[in-house]
N, C-alpha and C. Protein backbone atom coordinates (compact mmCIF):
# COMPACT_ATOMS: atom_id res chain seq x y z
N MET A 1 36.32 -10.57 -8.32
CA MET A 1 37.03 -11.72 -8.85
C MET A 1 37.65 -12.46 -7.67
N ASP A 2 37.53 -13.78 -7.66
CA ASP A 2 38.11 -14.56 -6.57
C ASP A 2 39.58 -14.86 -6.86
N SER A 3 40.22 -15.59 -5.96
CA SER A 3 41.66 -15.86 -6.08
C SER A 3 42.01 -16.74 -7.26
N THR A 4 41.04 -17.46 -7.85
CA THR A 4 41.33 -18.31 -9.00
C THR A 4 41.35 -17.51 -10.28
N GLY A 5 40.82 -16.29 -10.24
CA GLY A 5 40.75 -15.47 -11.44
C GLY A 5 39.56 -15.81 -12.31
N GLU A 6 38.72 -16.74 -11.85
CA GLU A 6 37.56 -17.16 -12.62
C GLU A 6 36.47 -16.09 -12.56
N VAL A 7 35.85 -15.80 -13.68
CA VAL A 7 34.75 -14.86 -13.77
C VAL A 7 33.62 -15.56 -14.49
N ILE A 8 32.41 -15.52 -13.91
CA ILE A 8 31.25 -16.12 -14.56
C ILE A 8 30.13 -15.08 -14.62
N MET A 9 29.21 -15.25 -15.54
CA MET A 9 28.10 -14.33 -15.69
C MET A 9 26.84 -15.03 -15.20
N THR A 10 26.05 -14.33 -14.34
CA THR A 10 24.81 -14.89 -13.80
C THR A 10 23.74 -13.81 -13.81
N GLY A 11 22.55 -14.18 -13.41
CA GLY A 11 21.49 -13.21 -13.18
C GLY A 11 21.78 -12.46 -11.89
N ILE A 12 20.95 -11.47 -11.58
CA ILE A 12 21.17 -10.70 -10.35
C ILE A 12 19.89 -10.67 -9.52
N SER A 13 20.06 -10.42 -8.24
CA SER A 13 18.92 -10.27 -7.33
C SER A 13 18.53 -8.79 -7.25
N ALA A 14 17.37 -8.53 -6.68
CA ALA A 14 16.94 -7.15 -6.47
C ALA A 14 17.92 -6.42 -5.55
N ALA A 15 18.44 -7.13 -4.56
CA ALA A 15 19.41 -6.52 -3.63
C ALA A 15 20.69 -6.14 -4.36
N GLU A 16 21.13 -6.98 -5.28
CA GLU A 16 22.34 -6.67 -6.05
C GLU A 16 22.11 -5.48 -6.98
N GLU A 17 20.91 -5.41 -7.56
CA GLU A 17 20.59 -4.27 -8.42
C GLU A 17 20.63 -2.98 -7.60
N THR A 18 20.06 -3.01 -6.40
CA THR A 18 20.09 -1.84 -5.51
C THR A 18 21.52 -1.48 -5.16
N GLU A 19 22.34 -2.48 -4.87
CA GLU A 19 23.75 -2.25 -4.54
C GLU A 19 24.48 -1.53 -5.68
N VAL A 20 24.23 -1.95 -6.91
CA VAL A 20 24.88 -1.32 -8.06
C VAL A 20 24.34 0.09 -8.28
N GLU A 21 23.02 0.28 -8.12
CA GLU A 21 22.47 1.63 -8.24
C GLU A 21 23.11 2.58 -7.24
N GLU A 22 23.30 2.10 -6.01
CA GLU A 22 23.92 2.93 -4.98
C GLU A 22 25.38 3.23 -5.32
N ALA A 23 26.09 2.24 -5.87
CA ALA A 23 27.48 2.45 -6.26
C ALA A 23 27.58 3.45 -7.41
N LEU A 24 26.65 3.35 -8.38
CA LEU A 24 26.64 4.30 -9.49
C LEU A 24 26.32 5.71 -9.00
N TYR A 25 25.39 5.82 -8.05
CA TYR A 25 25.06 7.12 -7.49
C TYR A 25 26.29 7.71 -6.79
N ALA A 26 26.98 6.91 -6.01
CA ALA A 26 28.19 7.38 -5.32
C ALA A 26 29.24 7.85 -6.34
N PHE A 27 29.40 7.10 -7.42
CA PHE A 27 30.33 7.49 -8.49
C PHE A 27 29.91 8.84 -9.07
N ASN A 28 28.62 8.97 -9.38
CA ASN A 28 28.12 10.21 -9.97
C ASN A 28 28.32 11.41 -9.04
N VAL A 29 28.06 11.20 -7.75
CA VAL A 29 28.26 12.26 -6.77
C VAL A 29 29.73 12.65 -6.71
N ALA A 30 30.61 11.66 -6.69
CA ALA A 30 32.05 11.93 -6.63
C ALA A 30 32.52 12.73 -7.85
N ARG A 31 31.93 12.46 -9.01
CA ARG A 31 32.35 13.14 -10.24
C ARG A 31 31.73 14.52 -10.40
N THR A 32 30.50 14.70 -9.88
CA THR A 32 29.78 15.96 -10.12
C THR A 32 29.71 16.86 -8.89
N GLY A 33 29.84 16.28 -7.72
CA GLY A 33 29.64 17.04 -6.49
C GLY A 33 28.18 17.27 -6.16
N VAL A 34 27.28 16.72 -6.95
CA VAL A 34 25.85 16.87 -6.75
C VAL A 34 25.35 15.67 -5.95
N ALA A 35 24.92 15.93 -4.71
CA ALA A 35 24.55 14.84 -3.81
C ALA A 35 23.12 14.99 -3.29
N ASP A 36 22.21 15.47 -4.15
CA ASP A 36 20.85 15.71 -3.69
C ASP A 36 19.85 14.67 -4.19
N GLY A 37 20.31 13.49 -4.55
CA GLY A 37 19.43 12.44 -5.08
C GLY A 37 18.38 12.03 -4.08
N GLU A 38 17.16 11.88 -4.58
CA GLU A 38 16.04 11.50 -3.72
C GLU A 38 14.98 10.80 -4.56
N LYS A 39 14.48 9.68 -4.06
CA LYS A 39 13.38 9.00 -4.75
C LYS A 39 12.09 9.77 -4.52
N VAL A 40 11.19 9.66 -5.48
CA VAL A 40 9.85 10.21 -5.34
C VAL A 40 8.88 9.11 -5.76
N ALA A 41 7.86 8.89 -4.94
CA ALA A 41 6.87 7.85 -5.27
C ALA A 41 5.58 8.14 -4.52
N TYR A 42 4.48 8.04 -5.24
CA TYR A 42 3.15 8.16 -4.66
C TYR A 42 2.29 7.05 -5.25
N ALA A 43 1.39 6.51 -4.44
CA ALA A 43 0.53 5.43 -4.90
C ALA A 43 -0.93 5.77 -4.66
N LEU A 44 -1.78 5.23 -5.52
CA LEU A 44 -3.23 5.25 -5.32
C LEU A 44 -3.61 3.85 -4.86
N ARG A 45 -4.41 3.75 -3.82
CA ARG A 45 -4.87 2.46 -3.32
C ARG A 45 -6.36 2.53 -3.01
N ASP A 46 -7.01 1.38 -3.12
CA ASP A 46 -8.41 1.32 -2.71
C ASP A 46 -8.47 1.09 -1.21
N GLY A 47 -9.68 1.01 -0.66
CA GLY A 47 -9.86 0.84 0.77
C GLY A 47 -9.22 -0.42 1.33
N GLY A 48 -9.02 -1.44 0.48
CA GLY A 48 -8.39 -2.68 0.91
C GLY A 48 -6.89 -2.69 0.73
N GLY A 49 -6.33 -1.58 0.26
CA GLY A 49 -4.89 -1.50 0.09
C GLY A 49 -4.37 -1.93 -1.27
N ARG A 50 -5.28 -2.31 -2.18
CA ARG A 50 -4.86 -2.76 -3.51
C ARG A 50 -4.32 -1.58 -4.32
N LEU A 51 -3.18 -1.79 -4.96
CA LEU A 51 -2.55 -0.75 -5.77
C LEU A 51 -3.39 -0.46 -7.01
N LEU A 52 -3.74 0.82 -7.19
CA LEU A 52 -4.55 1.25 -8.33
C LEU A 52 -3.82 2.23 -9.23
N GLY A 53 -2.68 2.71 -8.79
CA GLY A 53 -1.91 3.64 -9.60
C GLY A 53 -0.66 4.05 -8.86
N LEU A 54 0.31 4.53 -9.61
CA LEU A 54 1.53 5.01 -8.97
C LEU A 54 2.33 5.88 -9.92
N VAL A 55 3.11 6.74 -9.29
CA VAL A 55 4.14 7.49 -10.00
C VAL A 55 5.41 7.27 -9.19
N ALA A 56 6.50 7.01 -9.88
CA ALA A 56 7.77 6.79 -9.19
C ALA A 56 8.89 7.34 -10.06
N GLY A 57 9.87 7.91 -9.39
CA GLY A 57 10.99 8.46 -10.13
C GLY A 57 12.13 8.83 -9.20
N TRP A 58 12.96 9.71 -9.70
CA TRP A 58 14.20 10.06 -9.03
C TRP A 58 14.46 11.53 -9.28
N MET A 59 14.82 12.25 -8.23
CA MET A 59 15.22 13.65 -8.37
C MET A 59 16.72 13.73 -8.12
N TRP A 60 17.40 14.42 -8.99
CA TRP A 60 18.85 14.59 -8.82
C TRP A 60 19.32 15.72 -9.73
N GLY A 61 20.14 16.59 -9.17
CA GLY A 61 20.78 17.63 -9.97
C GLY A 61 19.81 18.57 -10.66
N GLY A 62 18.70 18.88 -10.01
CA GLY A 62 17.74 19.80 -10.59
C GLY A 62 16.79 19.17 -11.59
N CYS A 63 16.81 17.84 -11.69
CA CYS A 63 15.96 17.13 -12.65
C CYS A 63 15.06 16.11 -11.93
N LEU A 64 13.84 16.02 -12.41
CA LEU A 64 12.92 14.97 -12.00
C LEU A 64 12.85 13.96 -13.13
N ASP A 65 13.22 12.73 -12.87
CA ASP A 65 13.19 11.65 -13.85
C ASP A 65 12.03 10.73 -13.49
N ILE A 66 10.91 10.85 -14.21
CA ILE A 66 9.75 9.99 -13.98
C ILE A 66 10.04 8.65 -14.64
N ARG A 67 10.10 7.60 -13.84
CA ARG A 67 10.41 6.27 -14.37
C ARG A 67 9.18 5.40 -14.55
N LEU A 68 8.16 5.65 -13.73
CA LEU A 68 6.92 4.88 -13.83
C LEU A 68 5.73 5.80 -13.57
N LEU A 69 4.71 5.67 -14.40
CA LEU A 69 3.41 6.28 -14.14
C LEU A 69 2.38 5.30 -14.68
N TRP A 70 1.53 4.83 -13.78
CA TRP A 70 0.54 3.83 -14.16
C TRP A 70 -0.73 4.05 -13.37
N VAL A 71 -1.87 3.91 -14.04
CA VAL A 71 -3.18 3.97 -13.39
C VAL A 71 -3.98 2.77 -13.88
N HIS A 72 -4.62 2.08 -12.94
CA HIS A 72 -5.45 0.93 -13.28
C HIS A 72 -6.47 1.32 -14.34
N GLU A 73 -6.72 0.42 -15.25
CA GLU A 73 -7.62 0.69 -16.37
C GLU A 73 -8.98 1.22 -15.92
N SER A 74 -9.50 0.76 -14.80
CA SER A 74 -10.82 1.18 -14.33
C SER A 74 -10.85 2.65 -13.89
N LEU A 75 -9.68 3.25 -13.66
CA LEU A 75 -9.62 4.64 -13.20
C LEU A 75 -9.11 5.61 -14.27
N ARG A 76 -8.73 5.09 -15.42
CA ARG A 76 -8.18 5.96 -16.47
C ARG A 76 -9.25 6.92 -16.99
N GLY A 77 -8.78 8.11 -17.38
CA GLY A 77 -9.68 9.12 -17.91
C GLY A 77 -10.42 9.90 -16.83
N ARG A 78 -10.03 9.70 -15.58
CA ARG A 78 -10.71 10.38 -14.46
C ARG A 78 -9.78 11.34 -13.73
N GLY A 79 -8.60 11.61 -14.31
CA GLY A 79 -7.71 12.61 -13.74
C GLY A 79 -6.68 12.09 -12.76
N TRP A 80 -6.69 10.81 -12.46
CA TRP A 80 -5.74 10.28 -11.48
C TRP A 80 -4.30 10.31 -11.97
N GLY A 81 -4.08 10.03 -13.24
CA GLY A 81 -2.72 10.10 -13.78
C GLY A 81 -2.18 11.52 -13.71
N THR A 82 -3.03 12.47 -14.04
CA THR A 82 -2.65 13.88 -13.96
C THR A 82 -2.31 14.26 -12.52
N ARG A 83 -3.14 13.83 -11.56
CA ARG A 83 -2.88 14.14 -10.15
C ARG A 83 -1.56 13.54 -9.68
N LEU A 84 -1.32 12.28 -10.05
CA LEU A 84 -0.06 11.65 -9.65
C LEU A 84 1.13 12.41 -10.23
N LEU A 85 1.07 12.70 -11.52
CA LEU A 85 2.16 13.39 -12.18
C LEU A 85 2.39 14.78 -11.58
N HIS A 86 1.33 15.52 -11.39
CA HIS A 86 1.45 16.87 -10.83
C HIS A 86 1.97 16.84 -9.39
N THR A 87 1.61 15.83 -8.63
CA THR A 87 2.11 15.72 -7.26
C THR A 87 3.62 15.50 -7.26
N ALA A 88 4.10 14.62 -8.13
CA ALA A 88 5.55 14.41 -8.24
C ALA A 88 6.26 15.68 -8.71
N GLU A 89 5.67 16.37 -9.69
CA GLU A 89 6.26 17.62 -10.18
C GLU A 89 6.30 18.68 -9.09
N ALA A 90 5.23 18.77 -8.31
CA ALA A 90 5.18 19.77 -7.23
C ALA A 90 6.26 19.51 -6.20
N LEU A 91 6.45 18.26 -5.82
CA LEU A 91 7.53 17.93 -4.88
C LEU A 91 8.88 18.29 -5.49
N ALA A 92 9.05 17.99 -6.77
CA ALA A 92 10.32 18.29 -7.44
C ALA A 92 10.61 19.79 -7.43
N ILE A 93 9.60 20.61 -7.65
CA ILE A 93 9.79 22.06 -7.62
C ILE A 93 10.20 22.49 -6.22
N VAL A 94 9.53 21.96 -5.20
CA VAL A 94 9.88 22.28 -3.82
C VAL A 94 11.34 21.91 -3.55
N ARG A 95 11.79 20.80 -4.13
CA ARG A 95 13.16 20.33 -3.92
C ARG A 95 14.18 21.02 -4.85
N GLY A 96 13.71 21.97 -5.67
CA GLY A 96 14.62 22.75 -6.49
C GLY A 96 14.82 22.26 -7.92
N CYS A 97 14.03 21.29 -8.34
CA CYS A 97 14.15 20.81 -9.72
C CYS A 97 13.57 21.83 -10.69
N THR A 98 14.22 21.98 -11.83
CA THR A 98 13.77 22.93 -12.84
C THR A 98 13.31 22.25 -14.13
N GLN A 99 13.52 20.94 -14.22
CA GLN A 99 13.03 20.23 -15.39
C GLN A 99 12.66 18.80 -15.03
N ALA A 100 11.74 18.24 -15.83
CA ALA A 100 11.32 16.85 -15.66
C ALA A 100 11.54 16.14 -16.98
N LEU A 101 11.82 14.86 -16.90
CA LEU A 101 11.99 14.06 -18.11
C LEU A 101 11.38 12.69 -17.89
N LEU A 102 11.00 12.07 -18.99
CA LEU A 102 10.41 10.74 -18.96
C LEU A 102 10.45 10.16 -20.36
N ASP A 103 10.09 8.90 -20.47
CA ASP A 103 9.96 8.29 -21.79
C ASP A 103 8.68 7.47 -21.83
N THR A 104 8.17 7.29 -23.04
CA THR A 104 6.94 6.53 -23.25
C THR A 104 6.97 6.00 -24.68
N HIS A 105 6.23 4.95 -24.91
CA HIS A 105 6.14 4.39 -26.26
C HIS A 105 4.96 5.01 -27.01
N SER A 106 5.00 4.91 -28.33
CA SER A 106 3.94 5.48 -29.16
C SER A 106 2.58 4.88 -28.86
N PHE A 107 2.54 3.64 -28.37
CA PHE A 107 1.28 2.98 -28.06
C PHE A 107 0.86 3.18 -26.60
N GLN A 108 1.64 3.95 -25.85
CA GLN A 108 1.31 4.21 -24.45
C GLN A 108 0.65 5.59 -24.31
N ALA A 109 1.39 6.60 -23.87
CA ALA A 109 0.73 7.84 -23.49
C ALA A 109 1.42 9.12 -23.95
N PRO A 110 1.99 9.19 -25.16
CA PRO A 110 2.66 10.44 -25.54
C PRO A 110 1.71 11.64 -25.55
N VAL A 111 0.48 11.46 -26.00
CA VAL A 111 -0.47 12.57 -26.06
C VAL A 111 -0.83 13.04 -24.65
N PHE A 112 -1.00 12.12 -23.71
CA PHE A 112 -1.26 12.49 -22.32
C PHE A 112 -0.15 13.39 -21.80
N TYR A 113 1.09 12.99 -22.00
CA TYR A 113 2.21 13.78 -21.49
C TYR A 113 2.31 15.14 -22.19
N GLN A 114 2.03 15.18 -23.48
CA GLN A 114 2.07 16.45 -24.20
C GLN A 114 0.99 17.39 -23.66
N ARG A 115 -0.18 16.86 -23.29
CA ARG A 115 -1.23 17.69 -22.68
C ARG A 115 -0.78 18.23 -21.33
N GLN A 116 0.16 17.57 -20.68
CA GLN A 116 0.68 18.03 -19.39
C GLN A 116 1.86 18.98 -19.55
N GLY A 117 2.18 19.34 -20.81
CA GLY A 117 3.24 20.32 -21.05
C GLY A 117 4.58 19.72 -21.43
N TYR A 118 4.65 18.41 -21.58
CA TYR A 118 5.90 17.76 -21.98
C TYR A 118 6.09 17.88 -23.49
N VAL A 119 7.34 17.97 -23.89
CA VAL A 119 7.71 18.12 -25.30
C VAL A 119 8.61 16.95 -25.69
N ILE A 120 8.32 16.35 -26.83
CA ILE A 120 9.18 15.27 -27.32
C ILE A 120 10.47 15.89 -27.84
N TYR A 121 11.61 15.43 -27.32
CA TYR A 121 12.90 15.94 -27.78
C TYR A 121 13.70 14.89 -28.54
N ALA A 122 13.27 13.63 -28.49
CA ALA A 122 13.94 12.58 -29.25
C ALA A 122 12.97 11.42 -29.43
N THR A 123 13.11 10.72 -30.53
CA THR A 123 12.28 9.55 -30.82
C THR A 123 13.18 8.46 -31.39
N LEU A 124 12.98 7.26 -30.88
CA LEU A 124 13.69 6.09 -31.37
C LEU A 124 12.70 5.22 -32.12
N ASP A 125 12.91 5.04 -33.42
CA ASP A 125 12.02 4.22 -34.23
C ASP A 125 12.27 2.74 -33.99
N ASP A 126 11.22 1.96 -34.24
CA ASP A 126 11.27 0.51 -34.15
C ASP A 126 11.67 -0.01 -32.77
N TYR A 127 11.14 0.64 -31.73
CA TYR A 127 11.31 0.14 -30.38
C TYR A 127 9.97 0.15 -29.68
N PRO A 128 9.25 -1.00 -29.66
CA PRO A 128 9.57 -2.23 -30.38
C PRO A 128 9.27 -2.07 -31.87
N VAL A 129 9.60 -3.07 -32.63
CA VAL A 129 9.43 -3.03 -34.08
C VAL A 129 8.03 -2.55 -34.43
N GLY A 130 7.96 -1.57 -35.32
CA GLY A 130 6.68 -1.03 -35.75
C GLY A 130 6.15 0.10 -34.88
N HIS A 131 6.88 0.41 -33.82
CA HIS A 131 6.46 1.46 -32.89
C HIS A 131 7.64 2.38 -32.60
N GLN A 132 7.41 3.34 -31.74
CA GLN A 132 8.46 4.31 -31.38
C GLN A 132 8.55 4.46 -29.87
N LYS A 133 9.73 4.83 -29.43
CA LYS A 133 9.92 5.24 -28.04
C LYS A 133 10.22 6.72 -28.07
N HIS A 134 9.43 7.50 -27.31
CA HIS A 134 9.58 8.95 -27.26
C HIS A 134 10.23 9.36 -25.94
N TYR A 135 11.11 10.33 -26.02
CA TYR A 135 11.75 10.92 -24.85
C TYR A 135 11.21 12.34 -24.73
N LEU A 136 10.68 12.67 -23.55
CA LEU A 136 10.02 13.94 -23.35
C LEU A 136 10.64 14.71 -22.19
N LYS A 137 10.48 16.02 -22.24
CA LYS A 137 10.97 16.88 -21.16
C LYS A 137 9.99 18.01 -20.94
N LYS A 138 10.08 18.59 -19.75
CA LYS A 138 9.21 19.70 -19.39
C LYS A 138 9.98 20.63 -18.45
N ARG A 139 9.89 21.91 -18.69
CA ARG A 139 10.47 22.90 -17.79
C ARG A 139 9.52 23.03 -16.61
N LEU A 140 10.04 22.88 -15.41
CA LEU A 140 9.22 23.01 -14.20
C LEU A 140 9.31 24.44 -13.71
N VAL A 141 8.17 25.10 -13.67
CA VAL A 141 8.12 26.49 -13.21
C VAL A 141 6.94 26.63 -12.27
N GLY A 142 6.97 27.68 -11.49
CA GLY A 142 5.84 27.97 -10.62
C GLY A 142 6.29 28.35 -9.23
N SER A 143 5.37 28.88 -8.50
CA SER A 143 5.63 29.29 -7.14
C SER A 143 5.80 28.06 -6.26
N VAL A 144 6.87 28.02 -5.51
CA VAL A 144 7.11 26.91 -4.61
C VAL A 144 5.99 26.80 -3.59
N ASP A 145 5.50 27.91 -3.05
CA ASP A 145 4.43 27.86 -2.06
C ASP A 145 3.15 27.29 -2.65
N ASN A 146 2.80 27.71 -3.88
CA ASN A 146 1.60 27.17 -4.53
C ASN A 146 1.76 25.69 -4.80
N LYS A 147 2.93 25.28 -5.27
CA LYS A 147 3.16 23.87 -5.58
C LYS A 147 3.16 23.03 -4.30
N ARG A 148 3.71 23.59 -3.22
CA ARG A 148 3.76 22.85 -1.96
C ARG A 148 2.34 22.55 -1.49
N SER A 149 1.45 23.53 -1.51
CA SER A 149 0.09 23.29 -1.05
C SER A 149 -0.64 22.39 -2.04
N SER A 150 -0.37 22.52 -3.33
CA SER A 150 -0.98 21.65 -4.33
C SER A 150 -0.56 20.21 -4.13
N ALA A 151 0.72 19.98 -3.83
CA ALA A 151 1.21 18.62 -3.60
C ALA A 151 0.53 18.02 -2.39
N GLN A 152 0.37 18.78 -1.33
CA GLN A 152 -0.27 18.26 -0.14
C GLN A 152 -1.74 17.95 -0.40
N ASN A 153 -2.42 18.80 -1.15
CA ASN A 153 -3.83 18.56 -1.47
C ASN A 153 -3.99 17.28 -2.29
N ASP A 154 -3.09 17.04 -3.24
CA ASP A 154 -3.20 15.87 -4.09
C ASP A 154 -2.90 14.57 -3.35
N VAL A 155 -2.18 14.63 -2.25
CA VAL A 155 -1.83 13.43 -1.51
C VAL A 155 -2.94 13.04 -0.53
N GLU A 156 -3.79 13.97 -0.19
CA GLU A 156 -4.87 13.66 0.74
C GLU A 156 -5.78 12.58 0.17
N THR A 157 -6.46 11.86 1.05
CA THR A 157 -7.39 10.82 0.63
C THR A 157 -8.56 11.44 -0.10
N LYS A 158 -8.81 10.92 -1.30
CA LYS A 158 -9.95 11.37 -2.08
C LYS A 158 -10.71 10.14 -2.55
N PRO A 159 -12.03 10.22 -2.64
CA PRO A 159 -12.81 9.05 -3.07
C PRO A 159 -12.50 8.69 -4.52
N LEU A 160 -12.47 7.38 -4.77
CA LEU A 160 -12.25 6.91 -6.14
C LEU A 160 -13.57 6.91 -6.85
């Protein structure tokens, strides 16, 4: 607030969004004492550098929060989504995470995630109208050494 006391509402920039995310993280760390937050992101690209898929999320407090998982339509059904997801999970296990969570809509990929061991723990009806938003979780288990080598294998260049 400036010296006039005037407050106005505007849109925000990407930099401002990042600033607020960092401030919220600092608040959360101060309240919980948990300061192990780390982004996780892997991308699939073709030989020209074009983005063909990605997984992105956040690890904090023993949890992996998958925020984005996308594979270009031309590569779907060929295991790339599974590889991206498993690579993020493997890194999370190495970093000490014991559970993963994500959300998806009924018209997106709930069955895909359930095949990967995720369980729906909550559903919001009519988001969007006529559809559902599902919240899923998965217990992350396994040998850290096996997951570490699996994560490295999945990140290596493989032909599309």
